[in-house]
Amino acid sequence: MPERRSRIRCRPVPPARQAMSLAEDVRAGLLSRPRSLPPKYFYDETGSLLFDRICDTQEYYPTRTEDDLLARYASSIIGKVGPRHILELGSGTARKTRHLLQACCQQETVDYWPFDVCREVLELSSETLSECYPWLGVQPLLGDYSAGLEHLPVLDGPCLYVFLGGSLGNFEAPAAVELLSELAARMSADDRLLLGVDRVKSPAVLEAAYDDAEGVTAAFNRNLLSVLNRELEADFRIEHFAHRAIYNDPQAQVEMYLVAERSQEVRLGKLEETLRFAEGETILTEISRKFTLESASDMLADAGLHLDDHYTPPNQYFSLLLAAPQSNGHAAFI
């Protein structure tokens, strides 16, 4: 089958600081104990499509809840901000963002800047959006937002920065504040950030959301080993690792692990290293921090932002936070 050629051309966004390569992250995280890897390597083309399937599982409430909030409040948000630009961090397939784009259809000119690390998904989603919304300027940005935002394009006119899906919860607290601080430093008084955060709730609900009965999340987690096999010439036997998700209540975060189901050795060809796993040994592959409204507001304040508006369903399972740059003497909205 010939390789698909995209009509869309992605604009590369160089890292603002030295970003760890996959090999470096593996050396730092897998060659020492306890073993871990950052979740950004989930999102190759296969992983991105698996995550879209996770969003459709019965147990994974965040996508449905956030989608319902966007469907209900997108027009209000767009009317309040009046953006000339919408720039989305970690845009993926932009399935929920369409509510915001549709609400912009009466605007004279709007550009959408999806920013993502996976070229294939970025090109495909950009082509689809260009066909669905011919009036929309789609300007895809290829890069890793965790490597800094300094080289993002300077945008003229009000910009709505968008960071959905609770993805900020994948960052440890200092790194989350650092990322938000970088955004705040770029924002003018008319700019806003629309941030999705998952809320603290029953551990049973949280753990089910990250371990669905269909096994889609398990496949998504194990796909990380396929990435290592492909990119580092490793020989992980994927069937020898189980998926586990637990809620760490003191840290208010879900933790996802890959668990070795037997003692085994794994060769990392490109690194000329061998990993020795004991039965039951784990690899931490993701954290997903959960927030109260108070803890989310405190995080925004630490980053130089204040809560301008808040959207949540009656069960308070999820929140959309509309944040603005702090001004002197401004009291945070609680």
C-alpha atoms as a PDB file:
ATOM      1  CA  MET A   1       0.000   0.000   0.000  1.00  0.00           C
ATOM      2  CA  PRO A   2       1.527   3.392  -0.972  1.00  0.00           C
ATOM      3  CA  GLU A   3       2.276   5.797   1.855  1.00  0.00           C
ATOM      4  CA  ARG A   4      -0.427   8.395   2.366  1.00  0.00           C
ATOM      5  CA  ARG A   5       0.784  11.893   1.439  1.00  0.00           C
ATOM      6  CA  SER A   6      -0.812  14.758   3.289  1.00  0.00           C
ATOM      7  CA  ARG A   7      -1.735  18.096   1.723  1.00  0.00           C
ATOM      8  CA  ILE A   8      -1.156  19.668   5.128  1.00  0.00           C
ATOM      9  CA  ARG A   9       2.290  20.938   6.038  1.00  0.00           C
ATOM     10  CA  CYS A  10       3.122  21.071   9.712  1.00  0.00           C
ATOM     11  CA  ARG A  11       5.192  23.919  11.080  1.00  0.00           C
ATOM     12  CA  PRO A  12       7.957  22.544  13.328  1.00  0.00           C
ATOM     13  CA  VAL A  13       8.224  24.156  16.768  1.00  0.00           C
ATOM     14  CA  PRO A  14      11.819  23.812  18.008  1.00  0.00           C
ATOM     15  CA  PRO A  15      12.249  22.936  21.686  1.00  0.00           C
ATOM     16  CA  ALA A  16      12.935  25.922  23.912  1.00  0.00           C
ATOM     17  CA  ARG A  17      15.071  23.756  26.155  1.00  0.00           C
ATOM     18  CA  GLN A  18      16.846  20.477  25.769  1.00  0.00           C
ATOM     19  CA  ALA A  19      14.229  17.762  25.690  1.00  0.00           C
ATOM     20  CA  MET A  20      15.082  14.240  26.720  1.00  0.00           C
ATOM     21  CA  SER A  21      15.137  11.769  23.835  1.00  0.00           C
ATOM     22  CA  LEU A  22      13.476   8.398  24.098  1.00  0.00           C
ATOM     23  CA  ALA A  23      16.872   6.773  24.611  1.00  0.00           C
ATOM     24  CA  GLU A  24      17.733   9.242  27.380  1.00  0.00           C
ATOM     25  CA  ASP A  25      14.373   8.764  29.089  1.00  0.00           C
ATOM     26  CA  VAL A  26      14.816   5.002  28.938  1.00  0.00           C
ATOM     27  CA  ARG A  27      18.303   5.226  30.431  1.00  0.00           C
ATOM     28  CA  ALA A  28      17.041   7.510  33.199  1.00  0.00           C
ATOM     29  CA  GLY A  29      13.773   5.718  33.902  1.00  0.00           C
ATOM     30  CA  LEU A  30      14.118   2.048  32.985  1.00  0.00           C
ATOM     31  CA  LEU A  31      17.728   1.317  33.911  1.00  0.00           C
ATOM     32  CA  SER A  32      17.143   2.299  37.538  1.00  0.00           C
ATOM     33  CA  ARG A  33      14.554   1.263  40.112  1.00  0.00           C
ATOM     34  CA  PRO A  34      11.715   1.956  40.619  1.00  0.00           C
ATOM     35  CA  ARG A  35      11.284   1.875  36.835  1.00  0.00           C
ATOM     36  CA  SER A  36       9.276   4.557  35.020  1.00  0.00           C
ATOM     37  CA  LEU A  37       8.736   6.213  31.651  1.00  0.00           C
ATOM     38  CA  PRO A  38       7.030   9.517  30.755  1.00  0.00           C
ATOM     39  CA  PRO A  39       3.587   9.143  29.179  1.00  0.00           C
ATOM     40  CA  LYS A  40       4.380  11.209  26.070  1.00  0.00           C
ATOM     41  CA  TYR A  41       5.615   8.028  24.346  1.00  0.00           C
ATOM     42  CA  PHE A  42       2.118   6.547  24.412  1.00  0.00           C
ATOM     43  CA  TYR A  43       1.079   8.745  21.518  1.00  0.00           C
ATOM     44  CA  ASP A  44       2.433   7.245  18.353  1.00  0.00           C
ATOM     45  CA  GLU A  45      -0.203   6.747  15.655  1.00  0.00           C
ATOM     46  CA  THR A  46      -1.412   3.465  17.181  1.00  0.00           C
ATOM     47  CA  GLY A  47      -1.478   4.895  20.695  1.00  0.00           C
ATOM     48  CA  SER A  48      -3.369   8.002  19.611  1.00  0.00           C
ATOM     49  CA  LEU A  49      -6.044   5.875  17.941  1.00  0.00           C
ATOM     50  CA  LEU A  50      -6.258   3.606  20.990  1.00  0.00           C
ATOM     51  CA  PHE A  51      -6.730   6.636  23.207  1.00  0.00           C
ATOM     52  CA  ASP A  52      -9.634   7.715  21.014  1.00  0.00           C
ATOM     53  CA  ARG A  53     -11.156   4.261  21.657  1.00  0.00           C
ATOM     54  CA  ILE A  54     -10.599   4.670  25.405  1.00  0.00           C
ATOM     55  CA  CYS A  55     -12.663   7.841  25.231  1.00  0.00           C
ATOM     56  CA  ASP A  56     -15.608   5.772  23.974  1.00  0.00           C
ATOM     57  CA  THR A  57     -15.492   3.132  26.718  1.00  0.00           C
ATOM     58  CA  GLN A  58     -18.301   3.015  29.253  1.00  0.00           C
ATOM     59  CA  GLU A  59     -15.974   3.562  32.213  1.00  0.00           C
ATOM     60  CA  TYR A  60     -14.019   6.538  30.890  1.00  0.00           C
ATOM     61  CA  TYR A  61     -16.242   9.416  32.004  1.00  0.00           C
ATOM     62  CA  PRO A  62     -13.760  12.340  31.503  1.00  0.00           C
ATOM     63  CA  THR A  63     -14.190  12.586  27.729  1.00  0.00           C
ATOM     64  CA  ARG A  64     -17.992  12.339  27.802  1.00  0.00           C
ATOM     65  CA  THR A  65     -18.250  14.802  30.677  1.00  0.00           C
ATOM     66  CA  GLU A  66     -15.870  17.316  29.132  1.00  0.00           C
ATOM     67  CA  ASP A  67     -17.532  16.913  25.740  1.00  0.00           C
ATOM     68  CA  ASP A  68     -20.945  17.615  27.284  1.00  0.00           C
ATOM     69  CA  LEU A  69     -19.562  20.718  29.013  1.00  0.00           C
ATOM     70  CA  LEU A  70     -18.079  21.988  25.754  1.00  0.00           C
ATOM     71  CA  ALA A  71     -21.308  21.303  23.860  1.00  0.00           C
ATOM     72  CA  ARG A  72     -23.229  23.279  26.466  1.00  0.00           C
ATOM     73  CA  TYR A  73     -20.844  26.173  27.051  1.00  0.00           C
ATOM     74  CA  ALA A  74     -18.752  26.564  23.874  1.00  0.00           C
ATOM     75  CA  SER A  75     -20.860  29.428  22.532  1.00  0.00           C
ATOM     76  CA  SER A  76     -20.669  31.228  25.857  1.00  0.00           C
ATOM     77  CA  ILE A  77     -16.888  30.742  26.057  1.00  0.00           C
ATOM     78  CA  ILE A  78     -16.290  31.913  22.488  1.00  0.00           C
ATOM     79  CA  GLY A  79     -18.646  34.853  22.988  1.00  0.00           C
ATOM     80  CA  LYS A  80     -16.800  35.884  26.120  1.00  0.00           C
ATOM     81  CA  VAL A  81     -13.270  35.581  24.672  1.00  0.00           C
ATOM     82  CA  GLY A  82     -13.917  36.522  21.022  1.00  0.00           C
ATOM     83  CA  PRO A  83     -10.745  34.758  19.874  1.00  0.00           C
ATOM     84  CA  ARG A  84      -8.932  35.517  16.665  1.00  0.00           C
ATOM     85  CA  HIS A  85      -6.844  32.404  17.317  1.00  0.00           C
ATOM     86  CA  ILE A  86      -7.354  29.093  19.116  1.00  0.00           C
ATOM     87  CA  LEU A  87      -4.119  27.318  20.015  1.00  0.00           C
ATOM     88  CA  GLU A  88      -4.484  23.831  21.498  1.00  0.00           C
ATOM     89  CA  LEU A  89      -1.757  21.972  23.370  1.00  0.00           C
ATOM     90  CA  GLY A  90      -1.813  18.222  22.743  1.00  0.00           C
ATOM     91  CA  SER A  91      -4.581  18.522  20.173  1.00  0.00           C
ATOM     92  CA  GLY A  92      -4.654  14.845  19.104  1.00  0.00           C
ATOM     93  CA  THR A  93      -7.684  14.244  16.877  1.00  0.00           C
ATOM     94  CA  ALA A  94      -9.372  17.443  18.167  1.00  0.00           C
ATOM     95  CA  ARG A  95     -12.668  15.603  18.572  1.00  0.00           C
ATOM     96  CA  LYS A  96     -13.938  17.725  21.495  1.00  0.00           C
ATOM     97  CA  THR A  97     -12.423  20.951  20.187  1.00  0.00           C
ATOM     98  CA  ARG A  98     -14.960  20.930  17.371  1.00  0.00           C
ATOM     99  CA  HIS A  99     -17.552  22.397  19.728  1.00  0.00           C
ATOM    100  CA  LEU A 100     -15.354  25.476  20.108  1.00  0.00           C
ATOM    101  CA  LEU A 101     -14.633  25.646  16.374  1.00  0.00           C
ATOM    102  CA  GLN A 102     -18.304  25.350  15.497  1.00  0.00           C
ATOM    103  CA  ALA A 103     -19.074  28.176  17.907  1.00  0.00           C
ATOM    104  CA  CYS A 104     -16.633  30.334  15.912  1.00  0.00           C
ATOM    105  CA  CYS A 105     -18.544  29.994  12.637  1.00  0.00           C
ATOM    106  CA  GLN A 106     -19.952  33.534  12.921  1.00  0.00           C
ATOM    107  CA  GLN A 107     -16.513  35.045  13.528  1.00  0.00           C
ATOM    108  CA  GLU A 108     -15.007  36.914  10.588  1.00  0.00           C
ATOM    109  CA  THR A 109     -11.632  35.167  10.740  1.00  0.00           C
ATOM    110  CA  VAL A 110     -10.397  32.442  13.068  1.00  0.00           C
ATOM    111  CA  ASP A 111      -7.216  30.394  12.904  1.00  0.00           C
ATOM    112  CA  TYR A 112      -6.854  27.089  14.712  1.00  0.00           C
ATOM    113  CA  TRP A 113      -3.326  26.085  15.758  1.00  0.00           C
ATOM    114  CA  PRO A 114      -3.241  22.402  16.817  1.00  0.00           C
ATOM    115  CA  PHE A 115       0.045  21.610  18.576  1.00  0.00           C
ATOM    116  CA  ASP A 116       0.981  17.949  18.863  1.00  0.00           C
ATOM    117  CA  VAL A 117       3.945  15.592  18.839  1.00  0.00           C
ATOM    118  CA  CYS A 118       2.575  13.016  16.340  1.00  0.00           C
ATOM    119  CA  ARG A 119       2.849  14.169  12.713  1.00  0.00           C
ATOM    120  CA  GLU A 120       0.515  11.499  11.291  1.00  0.00           C
ATOM    121  CA  VAL A 121      -2.355  12.313  13.639  1.00  0.00           C
ATOM    122  CA  LEU A 122      -1.748  16.058  13.291  1.00  0.00           C
ATOM    123  CA  GLU A 123      -1.886  15.915   9.486  1.00  0.00           C
ATOM    124  CA  LEU A 124      -4.963  13.686   9.407  1.00  0.00           C
ATOM    125  CA  SER A 125      -6.923  15.773  11.917  1.00  0.00           C
ATOM    126  CA  SER A 126      -5.912  19.023  10.187  1.00  0.00           C
ATOM    127  CA  GLU A 127      -7.116  17.726   6.820  1.00  0.00           C
ATOM    128  CA  THR A 128     -10.410  16.614   8.340  1.00  0.00           C
ATOM    129  CA  LEU A 129     -10.983  19.965  10.051  1.00  0.00           C
ATOM    130  CA  SER A 130     -10.147  21.898   6.876  1.00  0.00           C
ATOM    131  CA  GLU A 131     -12.797  19.898   5.038  1.00  0.00           C
ATOM    132  CA  CYS A 132     -15.399  20.263   7.808  1.00  0.00           C
ATOM    133  CA  TYR A 133     -14.810  23.997   8.331  1.00  0.00           C
ATOM    134  CA  PRO A 134     -13.683  25.573   5.030  1.00  0.00           C
ATOM    135  CA  TRP A 135     -13.731  29.044   6.632  1.00  0.00           C
ATOM    136  CA  LEU A 136     -11.258  27.978   9.319  1.00  0.00           C
ATOM    137  CA  GLY A 137      -7.521  28.572   8.938  1.00  0.00           C
ATOM    138  CA  VAL A 138      -5.819  25.400  10.225  1.00  0.00           C
ATOM    139  CA  GLN A 139      -2.141  25.918  11.077  1.00  0.00           C
ATOM    140  CA  PRO A 140      -0.705  22.690  12.575  1.00  0.00           C
ATOM    141  CA  LEU A 141       2.313  22.938  14.854  1.00  0.00           C
ATOM    142  CA  LEU A 142       4.577  19.915  15.277  1.00  0.00           C
ATOM    143  CA  GLY A 143       6.476  19.669  18.535  1.00  0.00           C
ATOM    144  CA  ASP A 144       6.589  18.748  22.201  1.00  0.00           C
ATOM    145  CA  TYR A 145       4.937  21.334  24.452  1.00  0.00           C
ATOM    146  CA  SER A 146       6.731  19.853  27.462  1.00  0.00           C
ATOM    147  CA  ALA A 147       9.989  21.127  25.909  1.00  0.00           C
ATOM    148  CA  GLY A 148       8.853  24.739  26.285  1.00  0.00           C
ATOM    149  CA  LEU A 149       6.649  27.262  24.509  1.00  0.00           C
ATOM    150  CA  GLU A 150       9.155  29.984  23.680  1.00  0.00           C
ATOM    151  CA  HIS A 151       9.165  29.226  19.945  1.00  0.00           C
ATOM    152  CA  LEU A 152       5.425  29.155  19.416  1.00  0.00           C
ATOM    153  CA  PRO A 153       4.318  31.725  16.825  1.00  0.00           C
ATOM    154  CA  VAL A 154       3.437  35.190  18.090  1.00  0.00           C
ATOM    155  CA  LEU A 155      -0.284  35.626  17.427  1.00  0.00           C
ATOM    156  CA  ASP A 156      -1.965  38.949  16.768  1.00  0.00           C
ATOM    157  CA  GLY A 157      -5.364  39.341  18.401  1.00  0.00           C
ATOM    158  CA  PRO A 158      -7.138  37.585  21.266  1.00  0.00           C
ATOM    159  CA  CYS A 159      -6.044  33.978  21.619  1.00  0.00           C
ATOM    160  CA  LEU A 160      -7.840  31.179  23.401  1.00  0.00           C
ATOM    161  CA  TYR A 161      -5.247  28.662  24.566  1.00  0.00           C
ATOM    162  CA  VAL A 162      -6.826  25.234  25.030  1.00  0.00           C
ATOM    163  CA  PHE A 163      -5.544  22.324  27.112  1.00  0.00           C
ATOM    164  CA  LEU A 164      -8.240  19.687  27.439  1.00  0.00           C
ATOM    165  CA  GLY A 165      -8.689  16.136  28.672  1.00  0.00           C
ATOM    166  CA  GLY A 166      -7.166  16.580  32.105  1.00  0.00           C
ATOM    167  CA  SER A 167      -3.734  16.178  30.464  1.00  0.00           C
ATOM    168  CA  LEU A 168      -2.153  18.653  32.865  1.00  0.00           C
ATOM    169  CA  GLY A 169      -2.713  15.998  35.522  1.00  0.00           C
ATOM    170  CA  ASN A 170       0.018  13.908  33.873  1.00  0.00           C
ATOM    171  CA  PHE A 171       2.583  16.413  35.168  1.00  0.00           C
ATOM    172  CA  GLU A 172       4.037  16.435  38.651  1.00  0.00           C
ATOM    173  CA  ALA A 173       2.930  19.585  40.500  1.00  0.00           C
ATOM    174  CA  PRO A 174       6.116  21.683  39.887  1.00  0.00           C
ATOM    175  CA  ALA A 175       6.157  20.812  36.174  1.00  0.00           C
ATOM    176  CA  ALA A 176       2.439  21.654  35.843  1.00  0.00           C
ATOM    177  CA  VAL A 177       3.000  25.083  37.382  1.00  0.00           C
ATOM    178  CA  GLU A 178       6.033  25.619  35.139  1.00  0.00           C
ATOM    179  CA  LEU A 179       4.009  24.877  32.000  1.00  0.00           C
ATOM    180  CA  LEU A 180       1.142  27.132  33.082  1.00  0.00           C
ATOM    181  CA  SER A 181       3.632  29.873  33.978  1.00  0.00           C
ATOM    182  CA  GLU A 182       5.079  29.711  30.458  1.00  0.00           C
ATOM    183  CA  LEU A 183       1.578  30.110  29.051  1.00  0.00           C
ATOM    184  CA  ALA A 184       0.805  32.994  31.410  1.00  0.00           C
ATOM    185  CA  ALA A 185       3.985  34.781  30.301  1.00  0.00           C
ATOM    186  CA  ARG A 186       2.795  34.642  26.666  1.00  0.00           C
ATOM    187  CA  MET A 187      -0.734  35.823  27.343  1.00  0.00           C
ATOM    188  CA  SER A 188      -1.984  39.359  26.818  1.00  0.00           C
ATOM    189  CA  ALA A 189      -4.782  40.808  28.925  1.00  0.00           C
ATOM    190  CA  ASP A 190      -7.336  39.689  26.284  1.00  0.00           C
ATOM    191  CA  ASP A 191      -6.081  36.113  26.029  1.00  0.00           C
ATOM    192  CA  ARG A 192      -7.600  33.245  27.966  1.00  0.00           C
ATOM    193  CA  LEU A 193      -6.717  29.645  28.818  1.00  0.00           C
ATOM    194  CA  LEU A 194      -9.406  26.953  28.731  1.00  0.00           C
ATOM    195  CA  LEU A 195      -8.139  24.137  30.942  1.00  0.00           C
ATOM    196  CA  GLY A 196      -9.789  20.783  31.576  1.00  0.00           C
ATOM    197  CA  VAL A 197      -9.102  19.171  34.954  1.00  0.00           C
ATOM    198  CA  ASP A 198     -10.422  15.933  36.410  1.00  0.00           C
ATOM    199  CA  ARG A 199     -11.868  16.121  39.910  1.00  0.00           C
ATOM    200  CA  VAL A 200     -11.261  14.075  43.052  1.00  0.00           C
ATOM    201  CA  LYS A 201     -13.980  11.416  43.463  1.00  0.00           C
ATOM    202  CA  SER A 202     -14.589   7.802  44.466  1.00  0.00           C
ATOM    203  CA  PRO A 203     -11.482   5.591  43.996  1.00  0.00           C
ATOM    204  CA  ALA A 204     -13.695   2.890  42.453  1.00  0.00           C
ATOM    205  CA  VAL A 205     -14.868   5.287  39.734  1.00  0.00           C
ATOM    206  CA  LEU A 206     -11.334   6.511  39.095  1.00  0.00           C
ATOM    207  CA  GLU A 207      -9.726   3.076  38.901  1.00  0.00           C
ATOM    208  CA  ALA A 208     -12.440   1.732  36.574  1.00  0.00           C
ATOM    209  CA  ALA A 209     -11.865   4.692  34.236  1.00  0.00           C
ATOM    210  CA  TYR A 210      -8.235   3.597  33.809  1.00  0.00           C
ATOM    211  CA  ASP A 211      -8.902  -0.148  33.604  1.00  0.00           C
ATOM    212  CA  ASP A 212     -11.933  -0.651  31.356  1.00  0.00           C
ATOM    213  CA  ALA A 213     -13.594  -4.037  30.963  1.00  0.00           C
ATOM    214  CA  GLU A 214     -12.881  -4.144  27.208  1.00  0.00           C
ATOM    215  CA  GLY A 215      -9.141  -3.941  27.848  1.00  0.00           C
ATOM    216  CA  VAL A 216      -8.607  -0.908  25.606  1.00  0.00           C
ATOM    217  CA  THR A 217      -6.605   0.952  28.266  1.00  0.00           C
ATOM    218  CA  ALA A 218      -4.516  -2.174  28.827  1.00  0.00           C
ATOM    219  CA  ALA A 219      -3.718  -2.284  25.096  1.00  0.00           C
ATOM    220  CA  PHE A 220      -2.901   1.439  25.160  1.00  0.00           C
ATOM    221  CA  ASN A 221      -0.513   0.919  28.081  1.00  0.00           C
ATOM    222  CA  ARG A 222       1.175  -2.126  26.512  1.00  0.00           C
ATOM    223  CA  ASN A 223       1.582  -0.255  23.216  1.00  0.00           C
ATOM    224  CA  LEU A 224       4.367   1.659  24.961  1.00  0.00           C
ATOM    225  CA  LEU A 225       6.399  -1.562  24.802  1.00  0.00           C
ATOM    226  CA  SER A 226       5.745  -1.769  21.057  1.00  0.00           C
ATOM    227  CA  VAL A 227       7.187   1.750  20.750  1.00  0.00           C
ATOM    228  CA  LEU A 228      10.332   0.621  22.592  1.00  0.00           C
ATOM    229  CA  ASN A 229      10.607  -2.499  20.429  1.00  0.00           C
ATOM    230  CA  ARG A 230      10.339  -0.438  17.255  1.00  0.00           C
ATOM    231  CA  GLU A 231      12.413   2.598  18.174  1.00  0.00           C
ATOM    232  CA  LEU A 232      15.138   0.988  20.314  1.00  0.00           C
ATOM    233  CA  GLU A 233      15.226  -2.494  18.780  1.00  0.00           C
ATOM    234  CA  ALA A 234      14.052  -3.964  22.074  1.00  0.00           C
ATOM    235  CA  ASP A 235      12.571  -7.432  22.446  1.00  0.00           C
ATOM    236  CA  PHE A 236       9.822  -6.931  25.021  1.00  0.00           C
ATOM    237  CA  ARG A 237       7.351  -9.822  24.998  1.00  0.00           C
ATOM    238  CA  ILE A 238       4.254  -7.697  25.354  1.00  0.00           C
ATOM    239  CA  GLU A 239       2.095 -10.614  26.468  1.00  0.00           C
ATOM    240  CA  HIS A 240       4.349 -11.023  29.524  1.00  0.00           C
ATOM    241  CA  PHE A 241       3.282  -7.667  30.988  1.00  0.00           C
ATOM    242  CA  ALA A 242      -0.028  -6.881  32.685  1.00  0.00           C
ATOM    243  CA  HIS A 243      -1.780  -3.540  33.019  1.00  0.00           C
ATOM    244  CA  ARG A 244      -2.543  -2.133  36.472  1.00  0.00           C
ATOM    245  CA  ALA A 245      -4.227   1.116  37.571  1.00  0.00           C
ATOM    246  CA  ILE A 246      -4.504   2.223  41.205  1.00  0.00           C
ATOM    247  CA  TYR A 247      -5.649   5.403  42.935  1.00  0.00           C
ATOM    248  CA  ASN A 248      -3.062   6.873  45.306  1.00  0.00           C
ATOM    249  CA  ASP A 249      -5.298   8.750  47.721  1.00  0.00           C
ATOM    250  CA  PRO A 250      -2.613  10.706  49.649  1.00  0.00           C
ATOM    251  CA  GLN A 251      -1.246  12.050  46.345  1.00  0.00           C
ATOM    252  CA  ALA A 252      -4.731  12.409  44.764  1.00  0.00           C
ATOM    253  CA  GLN A 253      -3.585  10.685  41.594  1.00  0.00           C
ATOM    254  CA  VAL A 254      -4.249   7.590  39.513  1.00  0.00           C
ATOM    255  CA  GLU A 255      -1.096   5.641  38.713  1.00  0.00           C
ATOM    256  CA  MET A 256      -0.762   3.289  35.723  1.00  0.00           C
ATOM    257  CA  TYR A 257       1.783   0.487  35.687  1.00  0.00           C
ATOM    258  CA  LEU A 258       3.031  -2.294  33.487  1.00  0.00           C
ATOM    259  CA  VAL A 259       3.668  -5.352  35.650  1.00  0.00           C
ATOM    260  CA  ALA A 260       6.074  -8.167  34.732  1.00  0.00           C
ATOM    261  CA  GLU A 261       4.111 -11.400  35.025  1.00  0.00           C
ATOM    262  CA  ARG A 262       7.273 -13.511  35.146  1.00  0.00           C
ATOM    263  CA  SER A 263      10.997 -13.100  35.633  1.00  0.00           C
ATOM    264  CA  GLN A 264      12.533 -12.149  32.301  1.00  0.00           C
ATOM    265  CA  GLU A 265      15.324 -10.405  30.457  1.00  0.00           C
ATOM    266  CA  VAL A 266      14.747  -7.737  27.814  1.00  0.00           C
ATOM    267  CA  ARG A 267      17.412  -6.614  25.388  1.00  0.00           C
ATOM    268  CA  LEU A 268      17.527  -2.961  24.288  1.00  0.00           C
ATOM    269  CA  GLY A 269      19.437  -3.367  21.034  1.00  0.00           C
ATOM    270  CA  LYS A 270      20.193   0.274  20.215  1.00  0.00           C
ATOM    271  CA  LEU A 271      21.308   0.984  23.779  1.00  0.00           C
ATOM    272  CA  GLU A 272      23.303  -2.252  24.140  1.00  0.00           C
ATOM    273  CA  GLU A 273      21.632  -2.802  27.502  1.00  0.00           C
ATOM    274  CA  THR A 274      19.775  -5.685  29.099  1.00  0.00           C
ATOM    275  CA  LEU A 275      16.928  -5.240  31.581  1.00  0.00           C
ATOM    276  CA  ARG A 276      16.264  -7.937  34.155  1.00  0.00           C
ATOM    277  CA  PHE A 277      12.732  -7.961  35.540  1.00  0.00           C
ATOM    278  CA  ALA A 278      11.682  -9.876  38.626  1.00  0.00           C
ATOM    279  CA  GLU A 279       8.170 -11.327  38.652  1.00  0.00           C
ATOM    280  CA  GLY A 280       5.787  -8.593  39.823  1.00  0.00           C
ATOM    281  CA  GLU A 281       8.208  -5.739  39.083  1.00  0.00           C
ATOM    282  CA  THR A 282       6.508  -2.619  37.745  1.00  0.00           C
ATOM    283  CA  ILE A 283       7.076   0.215  35.286  1.00  0.00           C
ATOM    284  CA  LEU A 284       5.215   3.411  36.177  1.00  0.00           C
ATOM    285  CA  THR A 285       3.921   4.725  32.853  1.00  0.00           C
ATOM    286  CA  GLU A 286       1.537   7.514  33.865  1.00  0.00           C
ATOM    287  CA  ILE A 287       0.215   9.557  36.742  1.00  0.00           C
ATOM    288  CA  SER A 288      -3.091  11.411  36.450  1.00  0.00           C
ATOM    289  CA  ARG A 289      -3.548  13.955  39.201  1.00  0.00           C
ATOM    290  CA  LYS A 290      -7.060  14.830  40.366  1.00  0.00           C
ATOM    291  CA  PHE A 291      -8.124  18.228  41.687  1.00  0.00           C
ATOM    292  CA  THR A 292     -10.565  19.987  43.918  1.00  0.00           C
ATOM    293  CA  LEU A 293     -11.664  23.443  42.794  1.00  0.00           C
ATOM    294  CA  GLU A 294      -9.510  24.895  45.554  1.00  0.00           C
ATOM    295  CA  SER A 295      -6.362  22.979  44.555  1.00  0.00           C
ATOM    296  CA  ALA A 296      -6.889  23.852  40.869  1.00  0.00           C
ATOM    297  CA  SER A 297      -7.338  27.545  41.729  1.00  0.00           C
ATOM    298  CA  ASP A 298      -4.189  27.480  43.854  1.00  0.00           C
ATOM    299  CA  MET A 299      -2.237  25.920  40.978  1.00  0.00           C
ATOM    300  CA  LEU A 300      -3.411  28.650  38.598  1.00  0.00           C
ATOM    301  CA  ALA A 301      -2.475  31.348  41.102  1.00  0.00           C
ATOM    302  CA  ASP A 302       1.008  29.852  41.518  1.00  0.00           C
ATOM    303  CA  ALA A 303       1.423  30.166  37.746  1.00  0.00           C
ATOM    304  CA  GLY A 304       0.303  33.800  37.525  1.00  0.00           C
ATOM    305  CA  LEU A 305      -3.258  33.104  36.386  1.00  0.00           C
ATOM    306  CA  HIS A 306      -6.652  33.660  37.971  1.00  0.00           C
ATOM    307  CA  LEU A 307      -9.903  31.779  37.510  1.00  0.00           C
ATOM    308  CA  ASP A 308     -12.200  33.856  35.318  1.00  0.00           C
ATOM    309  CA  ASP A 309     -15.001  31.311  34.981  1.00  0.00           C
ATOM    310  CA  HIS A 310     -15.773  27.712  35.899  1.00  0.00           C
ATOM    311  CA  TYR A 311     -17.956  25.100  34.195  1.00  0.00           C
ATOM    312  CA  THR A 312     -18.833  21.781  35.856  1.00  0.00           C
ATOM    313  CA  PRO A 313     -21.706  19.256  35.756  1.00  0.00           C
ATOM    314  CA  PRO A 314     -23.976  18.648  38.776  1.00  0.00           C
ATOM    315  CA  ASN A 315     -21.904  15.643  39.908  1.00  0.00           C
ATOM    316  CA  GLN A 316     -18.701  17.769  39.727  1.00  0.00           C
ATOM    317  CA  TYR A 317     -16.814  14.914  38.062  1.00  0.00           C
ATOM    318  CA  PHE A 318     -14.832  17.290  35.825  1.00  0.00           C
ATOM    319  CA  SER A 319     -14.170  21.004  35.441  1.00  0.00           C
ATOM    320  CA  LEU A 320     -13.478  23.386  32.594  1.00  0.00           C
ATOM    321  CA  LEU A 321     -11.564  26.368  33.940  1.00  0.00           C
ATOM    322  CA  LEU A 322     -11.356  29.619  32.009  1.00  0.00           C
ATOM    323  CA  ALA A 323      -8.260  31.429  33.255  1.00  0.00           C
ATOM    324  CA  ALA A 324      -6.833  34.891  32.628  1.00  0.00           C
ATOM    325  CA  PRO A 325      -3.455  36.453  33.398  1.00  0.00           C
ATOM    326  CA  GLN A 326      -3.307  37.922  36.875  1.00  0.00           C
ATOM    327  CA  SER A 327      -3.503  41.674  37.252  1.00  0.00           C
ATOM    328  CA  ASN A 328      -2.454  43.608  40.321  1.00  0.00           C
ATOM    329  CA  GLY A 329      -5.092  43.565  43.010  1.00  0.00           C
ATOM    330  CA  HIS A 330      -7.183  40.842  41.324  1.00  0.00           C
ATOM    331  CA  ALA A 331      -8.769  38.339  43.685  1.00  0.00           C
ATOM    332  CA  ALA A 332      -9.056  34.778  42.433  1.00  0.00           C
ATOM    333  CA  PHE A 333     -12.540  33.427  41.656  1.00  0.00           C
ATOM    334  CA  ILE A 334     -13.498  30.507  43.874  1.00  0.00           C
END
